[in-house]
Structures are given as C-alpha cells and as structure tokens.
Amino acid sequence: MPNIRSRALANPINRTNVTPSLPDYPMKAAVCTVVTAAALFGTLCSPGCYQVPVTGRSAVSMVSDKQVVQQSMEAFAELKKRYPLSRNREYNERVQRVGDRLSKVVFWDVPDAEWEFVVFEVPQQINAFAMAGGKVGVFTGLFKIIQNDDQLASVLAHEIAHVAARHVNERLSQDMAIQGGGLIVGGIMAGSGTGSITSGAVLDAYGLTTGITAVGFDRKKEKEADHIGLIYLARAGYNPEEAIKVLEKLEEESAGKPLPPAWLSTHPSSPERILQLMDLMPKALEVYRQSGRKPTPVLIK
C-alpha cells in the first residue's frame, strides 16, 4: 500500500487547495462583520471582534466568554460522570506531563484556563478534546495510535488550539443566529429575548454528544486548529514532524471502517491535512529549533 504522504503528494488537485484556505494573515485585524442567518445584511462590530492566535484571522464572537467557560466546565463535569476515569497510571502520567508543558506555552492565548487533564477509559474511542476553561479529555483508545510524547502532544495541541481560537464561541454564535433568524447584538439574539447558553449546547458545539446535531467544528476550523496546534507543539519543544505520523496512523486505523456522515462533512481528509502540515513544517521546525528542547519520546512496548 502506498504511503499516505506519497498519495497526497501525487494528487495535484488537493495540493493546490490546501494553502489558500489558511493564508499568512496580516497581524492587523481586518474589519469584521456579523452576518445574519439569512446572510441578508451585516453590521460593523467592535466588542465581538478578536484575532485568532498564530493565524491572525479576524473572527467574531457574540457570546460571553465567561458563560462559555462556565458551561464548558459544567459539560466537562457531565462527561466525567458519563465515562469511567482511567486508572492506567502510565496513561495518566503521560497526559499530565505533556499537558502541563503545552499549557505553559499557550498561557497568553488561553489566560482564563484552570487546566485539568483527564483520561477516560473508553478504548473504542480514538479521540481527545479540549474545552474552554482548560478542560482536556483523552480517551484511552487514542493510545492505539500514539507511540511517544511528541505524538500525544500533537493531538493535545490540536485540541487546545480549538480553545485558543475560540472556535466554540464562533459555532455557538452561528447556531444562535440560525435559530433566532436575527441579528446578534451584545451576546443576545435580537427579537428572541435570550442569549443563554446551556451545557448541552456546548457539548453539541464541541461534537461530544450522540445526537445528529453534534457535528463539532467545520473543515476550516479543523485545518486552522492543525495550523495553530503545530506551532504550539513546536513552541513546547515537541517534534512537529510527529504530527504527520499521527495522521498516517489514524488513516491506517480507520481504513475500511465506516465513518459517520457528520465526521466526513466536518473533517478534511488525512492526505489534505498532511499536505497542509508539510507546507507549514519549515516554519514549525524553525520554532522547534528556537525552543531549545530535545525530543523525549516515550515508546510503548
């Protein structure tokens, strides 16, 4: 079977579509607009505008950061009741060790975090997630494809990147606009009389419920998290090249297995993601060298 990197490079159509989706954004934030669900009109915004770390993309959030953090913490508490906690000492120590190191390099991008790293005993799930407020979960199934700390860091950095970019805020703002059919002003849906967020809505936004609405982030957000996460990974002194190996292993693990329609619609293909990482790798390796740290792989026997 040809290597996934070879297959990706052999597809010129995919390659031309990778970098334009994440250009080198200027450091100055552009003027951003709030668009209604019907996309009929927009308005200049100020309080809801922010700049995404690393990429510099201008984004808008019309939900309260404080409320998102509060509901994310409640949702995380619900997940700790839903799933059994792993008692595997090695897994817990590795996740804590890697998580601590990553949390230090993202401090200014996630300043309100009270970091908590939890391993859930769910061997059938090859997955991890991070929530606003610094709540991070790893399912034990992930360790089927993880061979060292650098690879684990690549997964956690990607998930933490979603938090730093406030992707859940964007998703919740979008959902409120669609449901209310009106303009969001100051975190409240005009005409609806409510701007409240529930822990259930937060879980849906993160893609952590079993319902059909739980589609998580869209393809552009996933690719942006790949970009941001690669730089975080390098800043923390982990080898960014290991991120590509994780995607290759994920591709091998999922080969021949059916994927849910939501996953297919929201996640770029592994070759597409690998091409983007390869394009960003020179910059990531430069950051990695500047970090001055040596890789410390922990092999699974």
C-alpha atoms as a PDB file:
ATOM      1  CA  MET A   1       0.000   0.000   0.000  1.00  0.00           C
ATOM      2  CA  PRO A   2       1.487   3.403  -0.959  1.00  0.00           C
ATOM      3  CA  ASN A   3       2.440   5.698   1.876  1.00  0.00           C
ATOM      4  CA  ILE A   4      -0.231   8.304   2.621  1.00  0.00           C
ATOM      5  CA  ARG A   5       2.306  11.083   2.110  1.00  0.00           C
ATOM      6  CA  SER A   6       3.124   9.741  -1.350  1.00  0.00           C
ATOM      7  CA  ARG A   7      -0.568   9.535  -2.228  1.00  0.00           C
ATOM      8  CA  ALA A   8      -1.147  13.068  -1.026  1.00  0.00           C
ATOM      9  CA  LEU A   9       1.777  14.498  -2.988  1.00  0.00           C
ATOM     10  CA  ALA A  10       0.665  12.628  -6.081  1.00  0.00           C
ATOM     11  CA  ASN A  11      -2.666  14.476  -6.067  1.00  0.00           C
ATOM     12  CA  PRO A  12      -2.064  17.955  -7.527  1.00  0.00           C
ATOM     13  CA  ILE A  13      -5.724  18.933  -7.156  1.00  0.00           C
ATOM     14  CA  ASN A  14      -5.653  18.535  -3.396  1.00  0.00           C
ATOM     15  CA  ARG A  15      -2.314  20.274  -3.107  1.00  0.00           C
ATOM     16  CA  THR A  16      -3.485  23.427  -4.812  1.00  0.00           C
ATOM     17  CA  ASN A  17      -6.445  23.588  -2.475  1.00  0.00           C
ATOM     18  CA  VAL A  18      -4.517  23.373   0.772  1.00  0.00           C
ATOM     19  CA  THR A  19      -2.600  26.559   1.422  1.00  0.00           C
ATOM     20  CA  PRO A  20      -5.127  29.122   0.161  1.00  0.00           C
ATOM     21  CA  SER A  21      -7.543  28.131   2.946  1.00  0.00           C
ATOM     22  CA  LEU A  22      -5.025  29.250   5.568  1.00  0.00           C
ATOM     23  CA  PRO A  23      -3.048  32.172   4.130  1.00  0.00           C
ATOM     24  CA  ASP A  24      -0.488  34.137   6.113  1.00  0.00           C
ATOM     25  CA  TYR A  25      -2.878  36.595   7.672  1.00  0.00           C
ATOM     26  CA  PRO A  26      -1.635  40.119   8.426  1.00  0.00           C
ATOM     27  CA  MET A  27      -1.093  40.904  12.072  1.00  0.00           C
ATOM     28  CA  LYS A  28      -3.596  43.734  11.968  1.00  0.00           C
ATOM     29  CA  ALA A  29      -7.153  42.565  12.399  1.00  0.00           C
ATOM     30  CA  ALA A  30      -9.386  43.351   9.486  1.00  0.00           C
ATOM     31  CA  VAL A  31     -12.818  44.846   9.938  1.00  0.00           C
ATOM     32  CA  CYS A  32     -15.212  42.014  10.749  1.00  0.00           C
ATOM     33  CA  THR A  33     -18.919  41.806  10.330  1.00  0.00           C
ATOM     34  CA  VAL A  34     -21.764  39.984  11.957  1.00  0.00           C
ATOM     35  CA  VAL A  35     -23.922  38.259   9.402  1.00  0.00           C
ATOM     36  CA  THR A  36     -27.476  37.147   9.996  1.00  0.00           C
ATOM     37  CA  ALA A  37     -28.619  33.580   9.433  1.00  0.00           C
ATOM     38  CA  ALA A  38     -30.162  34.584   6.142  1.00  0.00           C
ATOM     39  CA  ALA A  39     -26.971  36.494   5.223  1.00  0.00           C
ATOM     40  CA  LEU A  40     -29.122  39.424   4.166  1.00  0.00           C
ATOM     41  CA  PHE A  41     -27.175  42.119   5.954  1.00  0.00           C
ATOM     42  CA  GLY A  42     -24.144  42.800   8.090  1.00  0.00           C
ATOM     43  CA  THR A  43     -23.007  45.370  10.558  1.00  0.00           C
ATOM     44  CA  LEU A  44     -19.662  46.560  11.843  1.00  0.00           C
ATOM     45  CA  CYS A  45     -18.795  45.096  15.222  1.00  0.00           C
ATOM     46  CA  SER A  46     -16.326  46.021  17.896  1.00  0.00           C
ATOM     47  CA  PRO A  47     -16.856  44.132  21.188  1.00  0.00           C
ATOM     48  CA  GLY A  48     -17.296  40.795  19.408  1.00  0.00           C
ATOM     49  CA  CYS A  49     -14.238  41.029  17.159  1.00  0.00           C
ATOM     50  CA  TYR A  50     -10.991  39.275  18.013  1.00  0.00           C
ATOM     51  CA  GLN A  51      -7.872  37.965  16.315  1.00  0.00           C
ATOM     52  CA  VAL A  52      -7.142  34.249  16.253  1.00  0.00           C
ATOM     53  CA  PRO A  53      -3.681  33.394  17.656  1.00  0.00           C
ATOM     54  CA  VAL A  54      -0.968  32.260  15.212  1.00  0.00           C
ATOM     55  CA  THR A  55      -3.048  32.615  12.023  1.00  0.00           C
ATOM     56  CA  GLY A  56      -4.120  36.197  12.719  1.00  0.00           C
ATOM     57  CA  ARG A  57      -7.566  35.561  11.240  1.00  0.00           C
ATOM     58  CA  SER A  58     -10.211  38.107  12.231  1.00  0.00           C
ATOM     59  CA  ALA A  59     -13.207  36.439  13.865  1.00  0.00           C
ATOM     60  CA  VAL A  60     -16.351  37.412  15.704  1.00  0.00           C
ATOM     61  CA  SER A  61     -17.958  36.035  18.840  1.00  0.00           C
ATOM     62  CA  MET A  62     -21.214  37.407  20.143  1.00  0.00           C
ATOM     63  CA  VAL A  63     -21.428  35.094  23.140  1.00  0.00           C
ATOM     64  CA  SER A  64     -19.939  35.755  26.542  1.00  0.00           C
ATOM     65  CA  ASP A  65     -16.528  34.175  27.149  1.00  0.00           C
ATOM     66  CA  LYS A  66     -17.414  33.864  30.827  1.00  0.00           C
ATOM     67  CA  GLN A  67     -20.611  31.994  30.023  1.00  0.00           C
ATOM     68  CA  VAL A  68     -18.868  29.687  27.555  1.00  0.00           C
ATOM     69  CA  VAL A  69     -16.246  28.818  30.171  1.00  0.00           C
ATOM     70  CA  GLN A  70     -18.887  28.245  32.847  1.00  0.00           C
ATOM     71  CA  GLN A  71     -20.991  25.980  30.648  1.00  0.00           C
ATOM     72  CA  SER A  72     -17.908  24.154  29.373  1.00  0.00           C
ATOM     73  CA  MET A  73     -16.926  23.358  32.944  1.00  0.00           C
ATOM     74  CA  GLU A  74     -20.419  22.046  33.636  1.00  0.00           C
ATOM     75  CA  ALA A  75     -20.312  19.982  30.453  1.00  0.00           C
ATOM     76  CA  PHE A  76     -16.919  18.562  31.434  1.00  0.00           C
ATOM     77  CA  ALA A  77     -18.312  17.568  34.818  1.00  0.00           C
ATOM     78  CA  GLU A  78     -21.141  15.761  32.990  1.00  0.00           C
ATOM     79  CA  LEU A  79     -18.623  13.864  30.871  1.00  0.00           C
ATOM     80  CA  LYS A  80     -16.733  12.755  33.983  1.00  0.00           C
ATOM     81  CA  LYS A  81     -19.989  11.214  35.206  1.00  0.00           C
ATOM     82  CA  ARG A  82     -20.797   9.670  31.837  1.00  0.00           C
ATOM     83  CA  TYR A  83     -17.449   7.973  31.176  1.00  0.00           C
ATOM     84  CA  PRO A  84     -15.302   5.946  33.600  1.00  0.00           C
ATOM     85  CA  LEU A  85     -11.971   7.503  34.520  1.00  0.00           C
ATOM     86  CA  SER A  86      -8.893   5.527  33.532  1.00  0.00           C
ATOM     87  CA  ARG A  87      -6.778   4.042  36.318  1.00  0.00           C
ATOM     88  CA  ASN A  88      -3.888   3.397  33.952  1.00  0.00           C
ATOM     89  CA  ARG A  89      -1.014   5.124  35.707  1.00  0.00           C
ATOM     90  CA  GLU A  90       1.164   5.378  32.596  1.00  0.00           C
ATOM     91  CA  TYR A  91      -1.576   6.998  30.511  1.00  0.00           C
ATOM     92  CA  ASN A  92      -2.456   9.476  33.246  1.00  0.00           C
ATOM     93  CA  GLU A  93       1.155  10.465  33.873  1.00  0.00           C
ATOM     94  CA  ARG A  94       1.880  10.933  30.179  1.00  0.00           C
ATOM     95  CA  VAL A  95      -1.190  13.076  29.558  1.00  0.00           C
ATOM     96  CA  GLN A  96      -0.445  15.191  32.627  1.00  0.00           C
ATOM     97  CA  ARG A  97       3.224  15.604  31.675  1.00  0.00           C
ATOM     98  CA  VAL A  98       2.511  16.621  28.097  1.00  0.00           C
ATOM     99  CA  GLY A  99      -0.483  18.731  29.068  1.00  0.00           C
ATOM    100  CA  ASP A 100       1.483  20.693  31.645  1.00  0.00           C
ATOM    101  CA  ARG A 101       4.162  21.523  29.104  1.00  0.00           C
ATOM    102  CA  LEU A 102       1.676  22.663  26.475  1.00  0.00           C
ATOM    103  CA  SER A 103      -0.314  24.737  28.961  1.00  0.00           C
ATOM    104  CA  LYS A 104       2.754  26.866  29.653  1.00  0.00           C
ATOM    105  CA  VAL A 105       3.242  27.904  26.020  1.00  0.00           C
ATOM    106  CA  VAL A 106      -0.433  28.795  25.453  1.00  0.00           C
ATOM    107  CA  PHE A 107      -0.807  30.840  28.632  1.00  0.00           C
ATOM    108  CA  TRP A 108      -1.324  34.186  26.891  1.00  0.00           C
ATOM    109  CA  ASP A 109      -3.735  32.699  24.343  1.00  0.00           C
ATOM    110  CA  VAL A 110      -5.858  30.911  26.975  1.00  0.00           C
ATOM    111  CA  PRO A 111      -5.423  33.175  30.020  1.00  0.00           C
ATOM    112  CA  ASP A 112      -8.599  32.132  31.855  1.00  0.00           C
ATOM    113  CA  ALA A 113      -7.777  28.419  31.939  1.00  0.00           C
ATOM    114  CA  GLU A 114      -7.814  26.248  35.035  1.00  0.00           C
ATOM    115  CA  TRP A 115      -6.101  23.302  33.411  1.00  0.00           C
ATOM    116  CA  GLU A 116      -7.373  19.815  34.077  1.00  0.00           C
ATOM    117  CA  PHE A 117      -6.277  16.766  32.087  1.00  0.00           C
ATOM    118  CA  VAL A 118      -8.413  13.643  32.393  1.00  0.00           C
ATOM    119  CA  VAL A 119      -8.058  10.204  30.773  1.00  0.00           C
ATOM    120  CA  PHE A 120     -11.344   8.398  30.121  1.00  0.00           C
ATOM    121  CA  GLU A 121     -11.431   4.601  29.958  1.00  0.00           C
ATOM    122  CA  VAL A 122     -13.091   4.361  26.552  1.00  0.00           C
ATOM    123  CA  PRO A 123     -10.897   2.013  24.484  1.00  0.00           C
ATOM    124  CA  GLN A 124     -13.144   2.099  21.418  1.00  0.00           C
ATOM    125  CA  GLN A 125     -12.730   5.856  21.027  1.00  0.00           C
ATOM    126  CA  ILE A 126      -9.602   7.150  19.266  1.00  0.00           C
ATOM    127  CA  ASN A 127     -10.190  10.713  20.262  1.00  0.00           C
ATOM    128  CA  ALA A 128      -9.408  13.637  22.549  1.00  0.00           C
ATOM    129  CA  PHE A 129     -10.939  17.041  23.150  1.00  0.00           C
ATOM    130  CA  ALA A 130     -10.341  20.354  24.912  1.00  0.00           C
ATOM    131  CA  MET A 131     -12.900  22.793  26.261  1.00  0.00           C
ATOM    132  CA  ALA A 132     -12.930  26.449  27.244  1.00  0.00           C
ATOM    133  CA  GLY A 133     -11.555  26.942  30.725  1.00  0.00           C
ATOM    134  CA  GLY A 134      -8.729  24.463  30.147  1.00  0.00           C
ATOM    135  CA  LYS A 135     -10.625  21.191  30.467  1.00  0.00           C
ATOM    136  CA  VAL A 136      -8.962  18.450  28.397  1.00  0.00           C
ATOM    137  CA  GLY A 137     -10.086  14.864  27.932  1.00  0.00           C
ATOM    138  CA  VAL A 138      -8.319  11.913  26.318  1.00  0.00           C
ATOM    139  CA  PHE A 139      -9.996   8.596  25.502  1.00  0.00           C
ATOM    140  CA  THR A 140      -7.804   5.542  26.065  1.00  0.00           C
ATOM    141  CA  GLY A 141      -8.436   4.375  22.500  1.00  0.00           C
ATOM    142  CA  LEU A 142      -6.108   7.162  21.358  1.00  0.00           C
ATOM    143  CA  PHE A 143      -3.129   5.241  22.705  1.00  0.00           C
ATOM    144  CA  LYS A 144      -3.661   2.631  19.973  1.00  0.00           C
ATOM    145  CA  ILE A 145      -2.031   5.037  17.536  1.00  0.00           C
ATOM    146  CA  ILE A 146       0.211   7.094  19.848  1.00  0.00           C
ATOM    147  CA  GLN A 147       3.810   5.921  20.165  1.00  0.00           C
ATOM    148  CA  ASN A 148       5.556   8.739  22.069  1.00  0.00           C
ATOM    149  CA  ASP A 149       5.065  12.043  23.873  1.00  0.00           C
ATOM    150  CA  ASP A 150       5.616  14.073  20.700  1.00  0.00           C
ATOM    151  CA  GLN A 151       2.699  12.338  19.021  1.00  0.00           C
ATOM    152  CA  LEU A 152       0.473  12.730  22.074  1.00  0.00           C
ATOM    153  CA  ALA A 153       1.429  16.411  22.184  1.00  0.00           C
ATOM    154  CA  SER A 154       0.387  16.836  18.540  1.00  0.00           C
ATOM    155  CA  VAL A 155      -3.125  15.635  19.363  1.00  0.00           C
ATOM    156  CA  LEU A 156      -3.472  17.695  22.545  1.00  0.00           C
ATOM    157  CA  ALA A 157      -2.041  20.792  20.846  1.00  0.00           C
ATOM    158  CA  HIS A 158      -4.628  20.483  18.075  1.00  0.00           C
ATOM    159  CA  GLU A 159      -7.458  20.276  20.602  1.00  0.00           C
ATOM    160  CA  ILE A 160      -6.109  23.148  22.708  1.00  0.00           C
ATOM    161  CA  ALA A 161      -5.825  25.188  19.506  1.00  0.00           C
ATOM    162  CA  HIS A 162      -9.617  24.973  19.126  1.00  0.00           C
ATOM    163  CA  VAL A 163      -9.918  26.596  22.546  1.00  0.00           C
ATOM    164  CA  ALA A 164      -7.318  29.297  21.871  1.00  0.00           C
ATOM    165  CA  ALA A 165      -9.054  30.170  18.589  1.00  0.00           C
ATOM    166  CA  ARG A 166     -12.412  30.271  20.408  1.00  0.00           C
ATOM    167  CA  HIS A 167     -13.947  28.067  17.752  1.00  0.00           C
ATOM    168  CA  VAL A 168     -16.762  27.045  20.091  1.00  0.00           C
ATOM    169  CA  ASN A 169     -17.703  30.719  20.518  1.00  0.00           C
ATOM    170  CA  GLU A 170     -17.967  31.086  16.755  1.00  0.00           C
ATOM    171  CA  ARG A 171     -20.021  27.923  16.488  1.00  0.00           C
ATOM    172  CA  LEU A 172     -22.417  28.982  19.262  1.00  0.00           C
ATOM    173  CA  SER A 173     -22.793  32.436  17.720  1.00  0.00           C
ATOM    174  CA  GLN A 174     -23.614  30.840  14.385  1.00  0.00           C
ATOM    175  CA  ASP A 175     -26.147  28.477  15.949  1.00  0.00           C
ATOM    176  CA  MET A 176     -27.841  31.341  17.774  1.00  0.00           C
ATOM    177  CA  ALA A 177     -28.115  33.301  14.539  1.00  0.00           C
ATOM    178  CA  ILE A 178     -29.588  30.358  12.667  1.00  0.00           C
ATOM    179  CA  GLN A 179     -32.090  29.504  15.409  1.00  0.00           C
ATOM    180  CA  GLY A 180     -33.101  33.108  16.033  1.00  0.00           C
ATOM    181  CA  GLY A 181     -33.096  34.247  12.439  1.00  0.00           C
ATOM    182  CA  GLY A 182     -31.991  37.679  13.507  1.00  0.00           C
ATOM    183  CA  LEU A 183     -29.018  39.843  14.317  1.00  0.00           C
ATOM    184  CA  ILE A 184     -26.973  39.059  17.406  1.00  0.00           C
ATOM    185  CA  VAL A 185     -26.207  42.159  19.438  1.00  0.00           C
ATOM    186  CA  GLY A 186     -24.046  42.070  22.569  1.00  0.00           C
ATOM    187  CA  GLY A 187     -24.495  38.330  23.042  1.00  0.00           C
ATOM    188  CA  ILE A 188     -28.310  38.486  22.918  1.00  0.00           C
ATOM    189  CA  MET A 189     -30.385  37.418  19.961  1.00  0.00           C
ATOM    190  CA  ALA A 190     -32.394  40.379  18.790  1.00  0.00           C
ATOM    191  CA  GLY A 191     -36.094  39.627  18.975  1.00  0.00           C
ATOM    192  CA  SER A 192     -35.659  36.370  20.892  1.00  0.00           C
ATOM    193  CA  GLY A 193     -35.073  37.831  24.334  1.00  0.00           C
ATOM    194  CA  THR A 194     -32.433  35.286  25.194  1.00  0.00           C
ATOM    195  CA  GLY A 195     -28.709  34.889  24.876  1.00  0.00           C
ATOM    196  CA  SER A 196     -28.314  31.993  27.278  1.00  0.00           C
ATOM    197  CA  ILE A 197     -26.056  29.032  26.601  1.00  0.00           C
ATOM    198  CA  THR A 198     -26.628  25.567  28.057  1.00  0.00           C
ATOM    199  CA  SER A 199     -24.104  22.823  28.753  1.00  0.00           C
ATOM    200  CA  GLY A 200     -25.992  20.686  26.221  1.00  0.00           C
ATOM    201  CA  ALA A 201     -25.498  23.309  23.529  1.00  0.00           C
ATOM    202  CA  VAL A 202     -21.822  23.456  24.442  1.00  0.00           C
ATOM    203  CA  LEU A 203     -21.453  19.676  24.135  1.00  0.00           C
ATOM    204  CA  ASP A 204     -23.157  19.833  20.737  1.00  0.00           C
ATOM    205  CA  ALA A 205     -20.783  22.578  19.633  1.00  0.00           C
ATOM    206  CA  TYR A 206     -17.777  20.512  20.682  1.00  0.00           C
ATOM    207  CA  GLY A 207     -19.229  17.449  18.898  1.00  0.00           C
ATOM    208  CA  LEU A 208     -19.357  15.464  22.143  1.00  0.00           C
ATOM    209  CA  THR A 209     -22.980  14.353  22.141  1.00  0.00           C
ATOM    210  CA  THR A 210     -24.532  11.406  20.355  1.00  0.00           C
ATOM    211  CA  GLY A 211     -27.242  13.451  18.682  1.00  0.00           C
ATOM    212  CA  ILE A 212     -27.354  14.272  14.983  1.00  0.00           C
ATOM    213  CA  THR A 213     -26.595  17.919  15.779  1.00  0.00           C
ATOM    214  CA  ALA A 214     -23.223  17.047  17.298  1.00  0.00           C
ATOM    215  CA  VAL A 215     -21.077  17.719  14.258  1.00  0.00           C
ATOM    216  CA  GLY A 216     -18.328  19.668  16.031  1.00  0.00           C
ATOM    217  CA  PHE A 217     -16.264  22.174  14.077  1.00  0.00           C
ATOM    218  CA  ASP A 218     -16.283  22.678  10.329  1.00  0.00           C
ATOM    219  CA  ARG A 219     -13.460  21.769   7.986  1.00  0.00           C
ATOM    220  CA  LYS A 220     -11.859  25.223   8.003  1.00  0.00           C
ATOM    221  CA  LYS A 221     -11.764  25.246  11.810  1.00  0.00           C
ATOM    222  CA  GLU A 222     -10.180  21.787  11.869  1.00  0.00           C
ATOM    223  CA  LYS A 223      -7.477  22.907   9.451  1.00  0.00           C
ATOM    224  CA  GLU A 224      -6.922  26.094  11.419  1.00  0.00           C
ATOM    225  CA  ALA A 225      -6.518  24.021  14.595  1.00  0.00           C
ATOM    226  CA  ASP A 226      -3.949  21.887  12.744  1.00  0.00           C
ATOM    227  CA  HIS A 227      -2.025  25.063  11.892  1.00  0.00           C
ATOM    228  CA  ILE A 228      -2.166  26.584  15.380  1.00  0.00           C
ATOM    229  CA  GLY A 229      -1.545  23.255  17.090  1.00  0.00           C
ATOM    230  CA  LEU A 230       1.572  22.593  15.026  1.00  0.00           C
ATOM    231  CA  ILE A 231       3.104  25.859  16.231  1.00  0.00           C
ATOM    232  CA  TYR A 232       2.099  25.232  19.857  1.00  0.00           C
ATOM    233  CA  LEU A 233       3.627  21.786  19.594  1.00  0.00           C
ATOM    234  CA  ALA A 234       6.905  23.232  18.358  1.00  0.00           C
ATOM    235  CA  ARG A 235       6.954  26.007  20.963  1.00  0.00           C
ATOM    236  CA  ALA A 236       6.658  23.394  23.695  1.00  0.00           C
ATOM    237  CA  GLY A 237       9.742  21.619  22.337  1.00  0.00           C
ATOM    238  CA  TYR A 238       7.979  18.646  20.774  1.00  0.00           C
ATOM    239  CA  ASN A 239       8.962  17.471  17.308  1.00  0.00           C
ATOM    240  CA  PRO A 240       6.292  18.807  14.882  1.00  0.00           C
ATOM    241  CA  GLU A 241       7.133  16.122  12.312  1.00  0.00           C
ATOM    242  CA  GLU A 242       5.461  13.581  14.591  1.00  0.00           C
ATOM    243  CA  ALA A 243       2.088  15.202  13.853  1.00  0.00           C
ATOM    244  CA  ILE A 244       2.194  13.774  10.334  1.00  0.00           C
ATOM    245  CA  LYS A 245       2.853  10.282  11.679  1.00  0.00           C
ATOM    246  CA  VAL A 246      -0.256  10.525  13.850  1.00  0.00           C
ATOM    247  CA  LEU A 247      -2.415  11.322  10.833  1.00  0.00           C
ATOM    248  CA  GLU A 248      -0.864   8.439   8.910  1.00  0.00           C
ATOM    249  CA  LYS A 249      -1.637   6.054  11.758  1.00  0.00           C
ATOM    250  CA  LEU A 250      -5.168   7.419  12.029  1.00  0.00           C
ATOM    251  CA  GLU A 251      -5.644   6.773   8.331  1.00  0.00           C
ATOM    252  CA  GLU A 252      -4.397   3.199   8.706  1.00  0.00           C
ATOM    253  CA  GLU A 253      -6.627   2.593  11.728  1.00  0.00           C
ATOM    254  CA  SER A 254      -9.748   3.906  10.003  1.00  0.00           C
ATOM    255  CA  ALA A 255      -9.108   2.166   6.650  1.00  0.00           C
ATOM    256  CA  GLY A 256     -12.130   0.141   5.612  1.00  0.00           C
ATOM    257  CA  LYS A 257     -14.222   1.323   8.560  1.00  0.00           C
ATOM    258  CA  PRO A 258     -17.399   3.347   8.003  1.00  0.00           C
ATOM    259  CA  LEU A 259     -17.298   6.909   9.280  1.00  0.00           C
ATOM    260  CA  PRO A 260     -20.369   8.872  10.380  1.00  0.00           C
ATOM    261  CA  PRO A 261     -21.656  11.428   7.842  1.00  0.00           C
ATOM    262  CA  ALA A 262     -21.022  14.259  10.332  1.00  0.00           C
ATOM    263  CA  TRP A 263     -17.350  13.333  10.571  1.00  0.00           C
ATOM    264  CA  LEU A 264     -16.998  13.165   6.807  1.00  0.00           C
ATOM    265  CA  SER A 265     -18.619  16.566   6.370  1.00  0.00           C
ATOM    266  CA  THR A 266     -16.589  18.387   9.003  1.00  0.00           C
ATOM    267  CA  HIS A 267     -13.119  16.804   8.891  1.00  0.00           C
ATOM    268  CA  PRO A 268     -10.700  17.269   5.995  1.00  0.00           C
ATOM    269  CA  SER A 269      -9.222  14.063   4.639  1.00  0.00           C
ATOM    270  CA  SER A 270      -5.945  12.876   6.138  1.00  0.00           C
ATOM    271  CA  PRO A 271      -3.996  13.488   2.878  1.00  0.00           C
ATOM    272  CA  GLU A 272      -5.379  17.029   2.760  1.00  0.00           C
ATOM    273  CA  ARG A 273      -4.369  17.671   6.364  1.00  0.00           C
ATOM    274  CA  ILE A 274      -0.917  16.152   5.827  1.00  0.00           C
ATOM    275  CA  LEU A 275      -0.282  18.401   2.830  1.00  0.00           C
ATOM    276  CA  GLN A 276      -1.072  21.445   4.936  1.00  0.00           C
ATOM    277  CA  LEU A 277       1.250  20.260   7.722  1.00  0.00           C
ATOM    278  CA  MET A 278       4.022  19.689   5.192  1.00  0.00           C
ATOM    279  CA  ASP A 279       3.565  23.232   3.853  1.00  0.00           C
ATOM    280  CA  LEU A 280       3.750  24.628   7.400  1.00  0.00           C
ATOM    281  CA  MET A 281       6.592  22.364   8.530  1.00  0.00           C
ATOM    282  CA  PRO A 282       9.550  24.687   7.700  1.00  0.00           C
ATOM    283  CA  LYS A 283       8.093  27.382   9.963  1.00  0.00           C
ATOM    284  CA  ALA A 284       7.229  24.834  12.668  1.00  0.00           C
ATOM    285  CA  LEU A 285      10.744  23.348  12.595  1.00  0.00           C
ATOM    286  CA  GLU A 286      12.210  26.828  12.948  1.00  0.00           C
ATOM    287  CA  VAL A 287      10.061  27.408  16.035  1.00  0.00           C
ATOM    288  CA  TYR A 288      11.036  23.959  17.307  1.00  0.00           C
ATOM    289  CA  ARG A 289      14.746  24.739  16.990  1.00  0.00           C
ATOM    290  CA  GLN A 290      14.241  28.044  18.767  1.00  0.00           C
ATOM    291  CA  SER A 291      12.543  26.248  21.654  1.00  0.00           C
ATOM    292  CA  GLY A 292      15.933  24.732  22.512  1.00  0.00           C
ATOM    293  CA  ARG A 293      14.447  21.488  23.762  1.00  0.00           C
ATOM    294  CA  LYS A 294      15.322  17.982  22.710  1.00  0.00           C
ATOM    295  CA  PRO A 295      12.588  15.463  21.925  1.00  0.00           C
ATOM    296  CA  THR A 296      11.986  12.989  24.715  1.00  0.00           C
ATOM    297  CA  PRO A 297       9.996  10.154  23.160  1.00  0.00           C
ATOM    298  CA  VAL A 298       8.341   7.639  25.445  1.00  0.00           C
ATOM    299  CA  LEU A 299       7.905   4.417  23.499  1.00  0.00           C
ATOM    300  CA  ILE A 300       5.106   1.964  24.173  1.00  0.00           C
ATOM    301  CA  LYS A 301       6.423  -1.582  24.360  1.00  0.00           C
END
